[in-house]
Amino acid sequence: WALAPHRIGDGFAPFSKQLRHVVCVRGVYNAALATGKVDWARKHDHYAGPLTRDALLAALDDKQRQLLGALETIDVNATIDWGGTPFTFALFTWEFVQHEAIHHG
């Protein structure tokens, strides 16, 4: 049977670009923990490096360190503005984990 349009092949980025996407989104989530607001307009500000294995691994490690640092001081009772909707910390982390699960399979 024929592949559905825009499935494997058309529409899927190379793995390196998928990793860059994860790095950028982790940057958005980390910034939201620090500022209390999700800002998707700045997603690509969180990584401008090359699409090489070493650079992407270093960027993933950096975002992980930033997340762990933020979790040390986060007020779990504060809300995070997600496009005008106040998210609890629990709901925000659920969204974060769901995004990661999609990309990690």
PDB file of N, CA and C in Angstrom:
ATOM      1  N   TRP A   1       0.830  -1.179   0.000  1.00  0.00           N
ATOM      2  CA  TRP A   1       0.000   0.000   0.000  1.00  0.00           C
ATOM      3  C   TRP A   1       0.873   1.239   0.000  1.00  0.00           C
ATOM      4  N   ALA A   2       0.348   2.300  -0.489  1.00  0.00           N
ATOM      5  CA  ALA A   2       1.106   3.541  -0.635  1.00  0.00           C
ATOM      6  C   ALA A   2       1.180   4.280   0.694  1.00  0.00           C
ATOM      7  N   LEU A   3       2.293   4.950   0.903  1.00  0.00           N
ATOM      8  CA  LEU A   3       2.437   5.766   2.110  1.00  0.00           C
ATOM      9  C   LEU A   3       1.472   6.942   2.068  1.00  0.00           C
ATOM     10  N   ALA A   4       0.977   7.303   3.220  1.00  0.00           N
ATOM     11  CA  ALA A   4       0.119   8.480   3.317  1.00  0.00           C
ATOM     12  C   ALA A   4       0.948   9.723   2.980  1.00  0.00           C
ATOM     13  N   PRO A   5       0.328  10.731   2.374  1.00  0.00           N
ATOM     14  CA  PRO A   5       1.067  11.971   2.068  1.00  0.00           C
ATOM     15  C   PRO A   5       1.670  12.577   3.344  1.00  0.00           C
ATOM     16  N   HIS A   6       2.827  13.143   3.206  1.00  0.00           N
ATOM     17  CA  HIS A   6       3.516  13.854   4.292  1.00  0.00           C
ATOM     18  C   HIS A   6       3.885  12.943   5.451  1.00  0.00           C
ATOM     19  N   ARG A   7       4.067  11.670   5.191  1.00  0.00           N
ATOM     20  CA  ARG A   7       4.548  10.753   6.230  1.00  0.00           C
ATOM     21  C   ARG A   7       6.015  10.459   5.953  1.00  0.00           C
ATOM     22  N   ILE A   8       6.508   9.374   6.425  1.00  0.00           N
ATOM     23  CA  ILE A   8       7.930   9.066   6.328  1.00  0.00           C
ATOM     24  C   ILE A   8       8.446   9.442   4.944  1.00  0.00           C
ATOM     25  N   GLY A   9       9.436  10.268   4.948  1.00  0.00           N
ATOM     26  CA  GLY A   9       9.961  10.833   3.708  1.00  0.00           C
ATOM     27  C   GLY A   9       9.561  12.286   3.636  1.00  0.00           C
ATOM     28  N   ASP A  10       8.487  12.578   2.959  1.00  0.00           N
ATOM     29  CA  ASP A  10       8.014  13.955   2.859  1.00  0.00           C
ATOM     30  C   ASP A  10       7.561  14.458   4.220  1.00  0.00           C
ATOM     31  N   GLY A  11       8.048  15.609   4.609  1.00  0.00           N
ATOM     32  CA  GLY A  11       7.569  16.252   5.821  1.00  0.00           C
ATOM     33  C   GLY A  11       8.352  15.935   7.075  1.00  0.00           C
ATOM     34  N   PHE A  12       9.221  14.935   7.049  1.00  0.00           N
ATOM     35  CA  PHE A  12      10.003  14.619   8.230  1.00  0.00           C
ATOM     36  C   PHE A  12      11.406  15.184   8.082  1.00  0.00           C
ATOM     37  N   ALA A  13      11.847  15.885   9.088  1.00  0.00           N
ATOM     38  CA  ALA A  13      13.180  16.481   9.068  1.00  0.00           C
ATOM     39  C   ALA A  13      14.221  15.420   9.417  1.00  0.00           C
ATOM     40  N   PRO A  14      15.472  15.657   9.038  1.00  0.00           N
ATOM     41  CA  PRO A  14      16.541  14.741   9.454  1.00  0.00           C
ATOM     42  C   PRO A  14      16.638  14.706  10.981  1.00  0.00           C
ATOM     43  N   PHE A  15      17.217  13.645  11.503  1.00  0.00           N
ATOM     44  CA  PHE A  15      17.324  13.467  12.944  1.00  0.00           C
ATOM     45  C   PHE A  15      18.004  14.655  13.613  1.00  0.00           C
ATOM     46  N   SER A  16      19.027  15.203  12.983  1.00  0.00           N
ATOM     47  CA  SER A  16      19.729  16.345  13.579  1.00  0.00           C
ATOM     48  C   SER A  16      18.795  17.529  13.781  1.00  0.00           C
ATOM     49  N   LYS A  17      17.878  17.740  12.857  1.00  0.00           N
ATOM     50  CA  LYS A  17      16.920  18.845  13.014  1.00  0.00           C
ATOM     51  C   LYS A  17      15.877  18.522  14.072  1.00  0.00           C
ATOM     52  N   GLN A  18      15.546  17.249  14.237  1.00  0.00           N
ATOM     53  CA  GLN A  18      14.648  16.859  15.325  1.00  0.00           C
ATOM     54  C   GLN A  18      15.305  17.165  16.672  1.00  0.00           C
ATOM     55  N   LEU A  19      16.597  16.861  16.781  1.00  0.00           N
ATOM     56  CA  LEU A  19      17.313  17.160  18.024  1.00  0.00           C
ATOM     57  C   LEU A  19      17.403  18.661  18.261  1.00  0.00           C
ATOM     58  N   ARG A  20      17.658  19.423  17.198  1.00  0.00           N
ATOM     59  CA  ARG A  20      17.685  20.885  17.349  1.00  0.00           C
ATOM     60  C   ARG A  20      16.337  21.380  17.861  1.00  0.00           C
ATOM     61  N   HIS A  21      15.261  20.826  17.340  1.00  0.00           N
ATOM     62  CA  HIS A  21      13.914  21.193  17.799  1.00  0.00           C
ATOM     63  C   HIS A  21      13.765  20.915  19.293  1.00  0.00           C
ATOM     64  N   VAL A  22      14.216  19.750  19.741  1.00  0.00           N
ATOM     65  CA  VAL A  22      14.125  19.402  21.163  1.00  0.00           C
ATOM     66  C   VAL A  22      14.933  20.395  21.999  1.00  0.00           C
ATOM     67  N   VAL A  23      16.125  20.747  21.543  1.00  0.00           N
ATOM     68  CA  VAL A  23      16.955  21.717  22.261  1.00  0.00           C
ATOM     69  C   VAL A  23      16.222  23.054  22.362  1.00  0.00           C
ATOM     70  N   CYS A  24      15.662  23.515  21.261  1.00  0.00           N
ATOM     71  CA  CYS A  24      14.962  24.809  21.263  1.00  0.00           C
ATOM     72  C   CYS A  24      13.743  24.787  22.169  1.00  0.00           C
ATOM     73  N   VAL A  25      12.982  23.719  22.119  1.00  0.00           N
ATOM     74  CA  VAL A  25      11.782  23.636  22.959  1.00  0.00           C
ATOM     75  C   VAL A  25      12.167  23.538  24.429  1.00  0.00           C
ATOM     76  N   ARG A  26      13.210  22.778  24.727  1.00  0.00           N
ATOM     77  CA  ARG A  26      13.682  22.734  26.111  1.00  0.00           C
ATOM     78  C   ARG A  26      14.092  24.131  26.571  1.00  0.00           C
ATOM     79  N   GLY A  27      14.668  24.911  25.678  1.00  0.00           N
ATOM     80  CA  GLY A  27      15.012  26.290  26.017  1.00  0.00           C
ATOM     81  C   GLY A  27      13.781  27.110  26.344  1.00  0.00           C
ATOM     82  N   VAL A  28      12.710  26.926  25.568  1.00  0.00           N
ATOM     83  CA  VAL A  28      11.449  27.627  25.842  1.00  0.00           C
ATOM     84  C   VAL A  28      10.909  27.217  27.209  1.00  0.00           C
ATOM     85  N   TYR A  29      10.902  25.923  27.476  1.00  0.00           N
ATOM     86  CA  TYR A  29      10.384  25.443  28.763  1.00  0.00           C
ATOM     87  C   TYR A  29      11.236  25.945  29.928  1.00  0.00           C
ATOM     88  N   ASN A  30      12.547  25.889  29.776  1.00  0.00           N
ATOM     89  CA  ASN A  30      13.416  26.384  30.844  1.00  0.00           C
ATOM     90  C   ASN A  30      13.202  27.869  31.092  1.00  0.00           C
ATOM     91  N   ALA A  31      13.081  28.639  30.021  1.00  0.00           N
ATOM     92  CA  ALA A  31      12.834  30.079  30.169  1.00  0.00           C
ATOM     93  C   ALA A  31      11.485  30.321  30.838  1.00  0.00           C
ATOM     94  N   ALA A  32      10.493  29.506  30.507  1.00  0.00           N
ATOM     95  CA  ALA A  32       9.171  29.667  31.122  1.00  0.00           C
ATOM     96  C   ALA A  32       9.234  29.412  32.619  1.00  0.00           C
ATOM     97  N   LEU A  33      10.032  28.456  33.030  1.00  0.00           N
ATOM     98  CA  LEU A  33      10.184  28.211  34.464  1.00  0.00           C
ATOM     99  C   LEU A  33      10.814  29.410  35.163  1.00  0.00           C
ATOM    100  N   ALA A  34      11.697  30.100  34.461  1.00  0.00           N
ATOM    101  CA  ALA A  34      12.372  31.268  35.042  1.00  0.00           C
ATOM    102  C   ALA A  34      11.516  32.524  34.998  1.00  0.00           C
ATOM    103  N   THR A  35      10.722  32.687  33.931  1.00  0.00           N
ATOM    104  CA  THR A  35       9.982  33.938  33.737  1.00  0.00           C
ATOM    105  C   THR A  35       8.497  33.840  34.064  1.00  0.00           C
ATOM    106  N   GLY A  36       7.967  32.611  34.102  1.00  0.00           N
ATOM    107  CA  GLY A  36       6.540  32.442  34.351  1.00  0.00           C
ATOM    108  C   GLY A  36       5.687  32.577  33.099  1.00  0.00           C
ATOM    109  N   LYS A  37       6.337  32.578  31.913  1.00  0.00           N
ATOM    110  CA  LYS A  37       5.587  32.734  30.668  1.00  0.00           C
ATOM    111  C   LYS A  37       6.246  31.939  29.546  1.00  0.00           C
ATOM    112  N   VAL A  38       5.430  31.177  28.810  1.00  0.00           N
ATOM    113  CA  VAL A  38       5.910  30.435  27.647  1.00  0.00           C
ATOM    114  C   VAL A  38       5.968  31.397  26.474  1.00  0.00           C
ATOM    115  N   ASP A  39       7.131  31.475  25.817  1.00  0.00           N
ATOM    116  CA  ASP A  39       7.321  32.390  24.696  1.00  0.00           C
ATOM    117  C   ASP A  39       7.825  31.618  23.477  1.00  0.00           C
ATOM    118  N   TRP A  40       6.875  31.120  22.679  1.00  0.00           N
ATOM    119  CA  TRP A  40       7.237  30.345  21.494  1.00  0.00           C
ATOM    120  C   TRP A  40       7.880  31.210  20.412  1.00  0.00           C
ATOM    121  N   ALA A  41       7.647  32.503  20.427  1.00  0.00           N
ATOM    122  CA  ALA A  41       8.230  33.384  19.416  1.00  0.00           C
ATOM    123  C   ALA A  41       9.758  33.389  19.490  1.00  0.00           C
ATOM    124  N   ARG A  42      10.305  33.044  20.641  1.00  0.00           N
ATOM    125  CA  ARG A  42      11.758  33.059  20.821  1.00  0.00           C
ATOM    126  C   ARG A  42      12.360  31.656  20.773  1.00  0.00           C
ATOM    127  N   LYS A  43      11.604  30.671  20.286  1.00  0.00           N
ATOM    128  CA  LYS A  43      12.066  29.278  20.292  1.00  0.00           C
ATOM    129  C   LYS A  43      13.446  29.133  19.653  1.00  0.00           C
ATOM    130  N   HIS A  44      13.648  29.748  18.520  1.00  0.00           N
ATOM    131  CA  HIS A  44      14.912  29.571  17.805  1.00  0.00           C
ATOM    132  C   HIS A  44      16.055  30.390  18.401  1.00  0.00           C
ATOM    133  N   ASP A  45      15.770  31.210  19.391  1.00  0.00           N
ATOM    134  CA  ASP A  45      16.832  31.936  20.090  1.00  0.00           C
ATOM    135  C   ASP A  45      17.622  31.017  21.026  1.00  0.00           C
ATOM    136  N   HIS A  46      17.091  29.833  21.304  1.00  0.00           N
ATOM    137  CA  HIS A  46      17.698  28.951  22.292  1.00  0.00           C
ATOM    138  C   HIS A  46      18.765  28.027  21.729  1.00  0.00           C
ATOM    139  N   TYR A  47      18.971  28.050  20.393  1.00  0.00           N
ATOM    140  CA  TYR A  47      20.073  27.293  19.801  1.00  0.00           C
ATOM    141  C   TYR A  47      20.365  27.817  18.408  1.00  0.00           C
ATOM    142  N   ALA A  48      21.612  28.192  18.200  1.00  0.00           N
ATOM    143  CA  ALA A  48      22.024  28.684  16.884  1.00  0.00           C
ATOM    144  C   ALA A  48      23.263  27.933  16.399  1.00  0.00           C
ATOM    145  N   GLY A  49      23.582  26.827  17.067  1.00  0.00           N
ATOM    146  CA  GLY A  49      24.780  26.079  16.723  1.00  0.00           C
ATOM    147  C   GLY A  49      24.599  25.171  15.517  1.00  0.00           C
ATOM    148  N   PRO A  50      25.656  24.454  15.203  1.00  0.00           N
ATOM    149  CA  PRO A  50      25.612  23.547  14.053  1.00  0.00           C
ATOM    150  C   PRO A  50      24.796  22.293  14.358  1.00  0.00           C
ATOM    151  N   LEU A  51      24.465  21.570  13.304  1.00  0.00           N
ATOM    152  CA  LEU A  51      23.685  20.343  13.430  1.00  0.00           C
ATOM    153  C   LEU A  51      24.593  19.123  13.536  1.00  0.00           C
ATOM    154  N   THR A  52      25.702  19.278  14.225  1.00  0.00           N
ATOM    155  CA  THR A  52      26.638  18.171  14.393  1.00  0.00           C
ATOM    156  C   THR A  52      26.328  17.416  15.682  1.00  0.00           C
ATOM    157  N   ARG A  53      26.751  16.178  15.727  1.00  0.00           N
ATOM    158  CA  ARG A  53      26.487  15.323  16.887  1.00  0.00           C
ATOM    159  C   ARG A  53      27.015  15.959  18.177  1.00  0.00           C
ATOM    160  N   ASP A  54      28.280  16.346  18.181  1.00  0.00           N
ATOM    161  CA  ASP A  54      28.889  16.890  19.394  1.00  0.00           C
ATOM    162  C   ASP A  54      28.208  18.173  19.856  1.00  0.00           C
ATOM    163  N   ALA A  55      27.898  19.051  18.928  1.00  0.00           N
ATOM    164  CA  ALA A  55      27.258  20.321  19.288  1.00  0.00           C
ATOM    165  C   ALA A  55      25.852  20.090  19.837  1.00  0.00           C
ATOM    166  N   LEU A  56      25.099  19.209  19.222  1.00  0.00           N
ATOM    167  CA  LEU A  56      23.739  18.941  19.691  1.00  0.00           C
ATOM    168  C   LEU A  56      23.748  18.232  21.047  1.00  0.00           C
ATOM    169  N   LEU A  57      24.671  17.290  21.249  1.00  0.00           N
ATOM    170  CA  LEU A  57      24.778  16.631  22.549  1.00  0.00           C
ATOM    171  C   LEU A  57      25.129  17.639  23.644  1.00  0.00           C
ATOM    172  N   ALA A  58      26.050  18.545  23.336  1.00  0.00           N
ATOM    173  CA  ALA A  58      26.425  19.576  24.312  1.00  0.00           C
ATOM    174  C   ALA A  58      25.226  20.484  24.621  1.00  0.00           C
ATOM    175  N   ALA A  59      24.459  20.833  23.601  1.00  0.00           N
ATOM    176  CA  ALA A  59      23.284  21.690  23.803  1.00  0.00           C
ATOM    177  C   ALA A  59      22.224  20.968  24.630  1.00  0.00           C
ATOM    178  N   LEU A  60      22.009  19.688  24.365  1.00  0.00           N
ATOM    179  CA  LEU A  60      21.051  18.911  25.167  1.00  0.00           C
ATOM    180  C   LEU A  60      21.502  18.846  26.620  1.00  0.00           C
ATOM    181  N   ASP A  61      22.794  18.611  26.841  1.00  0.00           N
ATOM    182  CA  ASP A  61      23.336  18.581  28.204  1.00  0.00           C
ATOM    183  C   ASP A  61      23.160  19.928  28.894  1.00  0.00           C
ATOM    184  N   ASP A  62      23.404  21.012  28.162  1.00  0.00           N
ATOM    185  CA  ASP A  62      23.250  22.356  28.726  1.00  0.00           C
ATOM    186  C   ASP A  62      21.805  22.614  29.149  1.00  0.00           C
ATOM    187  N   LYS A  63      20.862  22.245  28.292  1.00  0.00           N
ATOM    188  CA  LYS A  63      19.451  22.454  28.629  1.00  0.00           C
ATOM    189  C   LYS A  63      19.052  21.598  29.830  1.00  0.00           C
ATOM    190  N   GLN A  64      19.607  20.396  29.936  1.00  0.00           N
ATOM    191  CA  GLN A  64      19.315  19.542  31.089  1.00  0.00           C
ATOM    192  C   GLN A  64      19.849  20.162  32.379  1.00  0.00           C
ATOM    193  N   ARG A  65      21.074  20.693  32.328  1.00  0.00           N
ATOM    194  CA  ARG A  65      21.642  21.368  33.507  1.00  0.00           C
ATOM    195  C   ARG A  65      20.791  22.578  33.903  1.00  0.00           C
ATOM    196  N   GLN A  66      20.337  23.339  32.902  1.00  0.00           N
ATOM    197  CA  GLN A  66      19.480  24.495  33.191  1.00  0.00           C
ATOM    198  C   GLN A  66      18.175  24.047  33.848  1.00  0.00           C
ATOM    199  N   LEU A  67      17.588  22.965  33.345  1.00  0.00           N
ATOM    200  CA  LEU A  67      16.343  22.458  33.928  1.00  0.00           C
ATOM    201  C   LEU A  67      16.555  22.038  35.376  1.00  0.00           C
ATOM    202  N   LEU A  68      17.599  21.286  35.643  1.00  0.00           N
ATOM    203  CA  LEU A  68      17.861  20.837  37.008  1.00  0.00           C
ATOM    204  C   LEU A  68      18.095  22.023  37.942  1.00  0.00           C
ATOM    205  N   GLY A  69      18.779  23.052  37.452  1.00  0.00           N
ATOM    206  CA  GLY A  69      18.981  24.258  38.253  1.00  0.00           C
ATOM    207  C   GLY A  69      17.669  24.971  38.536  1.00  0.00           C
ATOM    208  N   ALA A  70      16.806  25.057  37.532  1.00  0.00           N
ATOM    209  CA  ALA A  70      15.506  25.718  37.718  1.00  0.00           C
ATOM    210  C   ALA A  70      14.649  24.947  38.709  1.00  0.00           C
ATOM    211  N   LEU A  71      14.697  23.641  38.655  1.00  0.00           N
ATOM    212  CA  LEU A  71      13.870  22.829  39.551  1.00  0.00           C
ATOM    213  C   LEU A  71      14.306  22.938  41.010  1.00  0.00           C
ATOM    214  N   GLU A  72      15.542  23.344  41.220  1.00  0.00           N
ATOM    215  CA  GLU A  72      16.034  23.538  42.589  1.00  0.00           C
ATOM    216  C   GLU A  72      15.315  24.695  43.288  1.00  0.00           C
ATOM    217  N   THR A  73      14.893  25.696  42.526  1.00  0.00           N
ATOM    218  CA  THR A  73      14.352  26.912  43.130  1.00  0.00           C
ATOM    219  C   THR A  73      12.917  27.231  42.731  1.00  0.00           C
ATOM    220  N   ILE A  74      12.309  26.418  41.880  1.00  0.00           N
ATOM    221  CA  ILE A  74      10.981  26.732  41.358  1.00  0.00           C
ATOM    222  C   ILE A  74       9.926  26.743  42.468  1.00  0.00           C
ATOM    223  N   ASP A  75       9.020  27.676  42.376  1.00  0.00           N
ATOM    224  CA  ASP A  75       7.862  27.712  43.269  1.00  0.00           C
ATOM    225  C   ASP A  75       6.777  26.853  42.620  1.00  0.00           C
ATOM    226  N   VAL A  76       6.547  25.669  43.140  1.00  0.00           N
ATOM    227  CA  VAL A  76       5.598  24.741  42.525  1.00  0.00           C
ATOM    228  C   VAL A  76       4.152  25.231  42.635  1.00  0.00           C
ATOM    229  N   ASN A  77       3.919  26.282  43.394  1.00  0.00           N
ATOM    230  CA  ASN A  77       2.576  26.843  43.511  1.00  0.00           C
ATOM    231  C   ASN A  77       2.327  27.992  42.544  1.00  0.00           C
ATOM    232  N   ALA A  78       3.375  28.431  41.864  1.00  0.00           N
ATOM    233  CA  ALA A  78       3.227  29.528  40.901  1.00  0.00           C
ATOM    234  C   ALA A  78       2.582  29.005  39.621  1.00  0.00           C
ATOM    235  N   THR A  79       1.906  29.878  38.914  1.00  0.00           N
ATOM    236  CA  THR A  79       1.343  29.496  37.620  1.00  0.00           C
ATOM    237  C   THR A  79       2.250  30.009  36.503  1.00  0.00           C
ATOM    238  N   ILE A  80       2.144  29.358  35.369  1.00  0.00           N
ATOM    239  CA  ILE A  80       2.925  29.725  34.190  1.00  0.00           C
ATOM    240  C   ILE A  80       1.946  30.085  33.085  1.00  0.00           C
ATOM    241  N   ASP A  81       2.114  31.253  32.523  1.00  0.00           N
ATOM    242  CA  ASP A  81       1.239  31.741  31.459  1.00  0.00           C
ATOM    243  C   ASP A  81       1.584  31.037  30.154  1.00  0.00           C
ATOM    244  N   TRP A  82       0.655  30.247  29.657  1.00  0.00           N
ATOM    245  CA  TRP A  82       0.858  29.532  28.398  1.00  0.00           C
ATOM    246  C   TRP A  82      -0.155  30.085  27.402  1.00  0.00           C
ATOM    247  N   GLY A  83       0.259  31.106  26.677  1.00  0.00           N
ATOM    248  CA  GLY A  83      -0.617  31.716  25.682  1.00  0.00           C
ATOM    249  C   GLY A  83      -1.882  32.312  26.264  1.00  0.00           C
ATOM    250  N   GLY A  84      -1.777  32.857  27.463  1.00  0.00           N
ATOM    251  CA  GLY A  84      -2.928  33.467  28.116  1.00  0.00           C
ATOM    252  C   GLY A  84      -3.666  32.533  29.058  1.00  0.00           C
ATOM    253  N   THR A  85      -3.289  31.275  29.088  1.00  0.00           N
ATOM    254  CA  THR A  85      -3.914  30.310  29.995  1.00  0.00           C
ATOM    255  C   THR A  85      -2.956  30.031  31.143  1.00  0.00           C
ATOM    256  N   PRO A  86      -3.422  30.190  32.379  1.00  0.00           N
ATOM    257  CA  PRO A  86      -2.540  29.897  33.512  1.00  0.00           C
ATOM    258  C   PRO A  86      -2.405  28.385  33.713  1.00  0.00           C
ATOM    259  N   PHE A  87      -1.182  27.905  33.596  1.00  0.00           N
ATOM    260  CA  PHE A  87      -0.890  26.490  33.826  1.00  0.00           C
ATOM    261  C   PHE A  87      -0.307  26.330  35.221  1.00  0.00           C
ATOM    262  N   THR A  88      -0.772  25.317  35.927  1.00  0.00           N
ATOM    263  CA  THR A  88      -0.108  24.968  37.181  1.00  0.00           C
ATOM    264  C   THR A  88       1.247  24.363  36.840  1.00  0.00           C
ATOM    265  N   PHE A  89       2.105  24.283  37.819  1.00  0.00           N
ATOM    266  CA  PHE A  89       3.406  23.642  37.611  1.00  0.00           C
ATOM    267  C   PHE A  89       3.201  22.195  37.173  1.00  0.00           C
ATOM    268  N   ALA A  90       2.245  21.502  37.789  1.00  0.00           N
ATOM    269  CA  ALA A  90       1.990  20.100  37.435  1.00  0.00           C
ATOM    270  C   ALA A  90       1.555  19.965  35.975  1.00  0.00           C
ATOM    271  N   LEU A  91       0.652  20.828  35.524  1.00  0.00           N
ATOM    272  CA  LEU A  91       0.190  20.761  34.141  1.00  0.00           C
ATOM    273  C   LEU A  91       1.321  21.132  33.176  1.00  0.00           C
ATOM    274  N   PHE A  92       2.105  22.111  33.544  1.00  0.00           N
ATOM    275  CA  PHE A  92       3.250  22.506  32.719  1.00  0.00           C
ATOM    276  C   PHE A  92       4.220  21.335  32.557  1.00  0.00           C
ATOM    277  N   THR A  93       4.542  20.665  33.662  1.00  0.00           N
ATOM    278  CA  THR A  93       5.481  19.542  33.572  1.00  0.00           C
ATOM    279  C   THR A  93       4.878  18.391  32.776  1.00  0.00           C
ATOM    280  N   TRP A  94       3.572  18.210  32.838  1.00  0.00           N
ATOM    281  CA  TRP A  94       2.915  17.178  32.040  1.00  0.00           C
ATOM    282  C   TRP A  94       3.111  17.473  30.550  1.00  0.00           C
ATOM    283  N   GLU A  95       2.923  18.728  30.162  1.00  0.00           N
ATOM    284  CA  GLU A  95       3.127  19.119  28.764  1.00  0.00           C
ATOM    285  C   GLU A  95       4.576  18.882  28.349  1.00  0.00           C
ATOM    286  N   PHE A  96       5.501  19.232  29.223  1.00  0.00           N
ATOM    287  CA  PHE A  96       6.920  19.048  28.957  1.00  0.00           C
ATOM    288  C   PHE A  96       7.213  17.562  28.711  1.00  0.00           C
ATOM    289  N   VAL A  97       6.752  16.710  29.606  1.00  0.00           N
ATOM    290  CA  VAL A  97       7.015  15.271  29.489  1.00  0.00           C
ATOM    291  C   VAL A  97       6.360  14.693  28.240  1.00  0.00           C
ATOM    292  N   GLN A  98       5.158  15.130  27.918  1.00  0.00           N
ATOM    293  CA  GLN A  98       4.490  14.635  26.714  1.00  0.00           C
ATOM    294  C   GLN A  98       5.282  15.003  25.464  1.00  0.00           C
ATOM    295  N   HIS A  99       5.784  16.218  25.410  1.00  0.00           N
ATOM    296  CA  HIS A  99       6.591  16.633  24.265  1.00  0.00           C
ATOM    297  C   HIS A  99       7.837  15.764  24.145  1.00  0.00           C
ATOM    298  N   GLU A 100       8.513  15.546  25.262  1.00  0.00           N
ATOM    299  CA  GLU A 100       9.711  14.720  25.254  1.00  0.00           C
ATOM    300  C   GLU A 100       9.373  13.293  24.803  1.00  0.00           C
ATOM    301  N   ALA A 101       8.269  12.749  25.292  1.00  0.00           N
ATOM    302  CA  ALA A 101       7.881  11.383  24.933  1.00  0.00           C
ATOM    303  C   ALA A 101       7.630  11.245  23.431  1.00  0.00           C
ATOM    304  N   ILE A 102       7.036  12.242  22.844  1.00  0.00           N
ATOM    305  CA  ILE A 102       6.781  12.210  21.402  1.00  0.00           C
ATOM    306  C   ILE A 102       8.097  12.082  20.639  1.00  0.00           C
ATOM    307  N   HIS A 103       9.091  12.849  21.044  1.00  0.00           N
ATOM    308  CA  HIS A 103      10.360  12.847  20.309  1.00  0.00           C
ATOM    309  C   HIS A 103      11.273  11.682  20.656  1.00  0.00           C
ATOM    310  N   HIS A 104      11.114  11.135  21.842  1.00  0.00           N
ATOM    311  CA  HIS A 104      11.966  10.027  22.235  1.00  0.00           C
ATOM    312  C   HIS A 104      11.330   8.680  21.950  1.00  0.00           C
ATOM    313  N   GLY A 105      10.035   8.690  21.618  1.00  0.00           N
ATOM    314  CA  GLY A 105       9.341   7.453  21.281  1.00  0.00           C
ATOM    315  C   GLY A 105       9.143   6.614  22.476  1.00  0.00           C
TER     316      GLY A 105
END
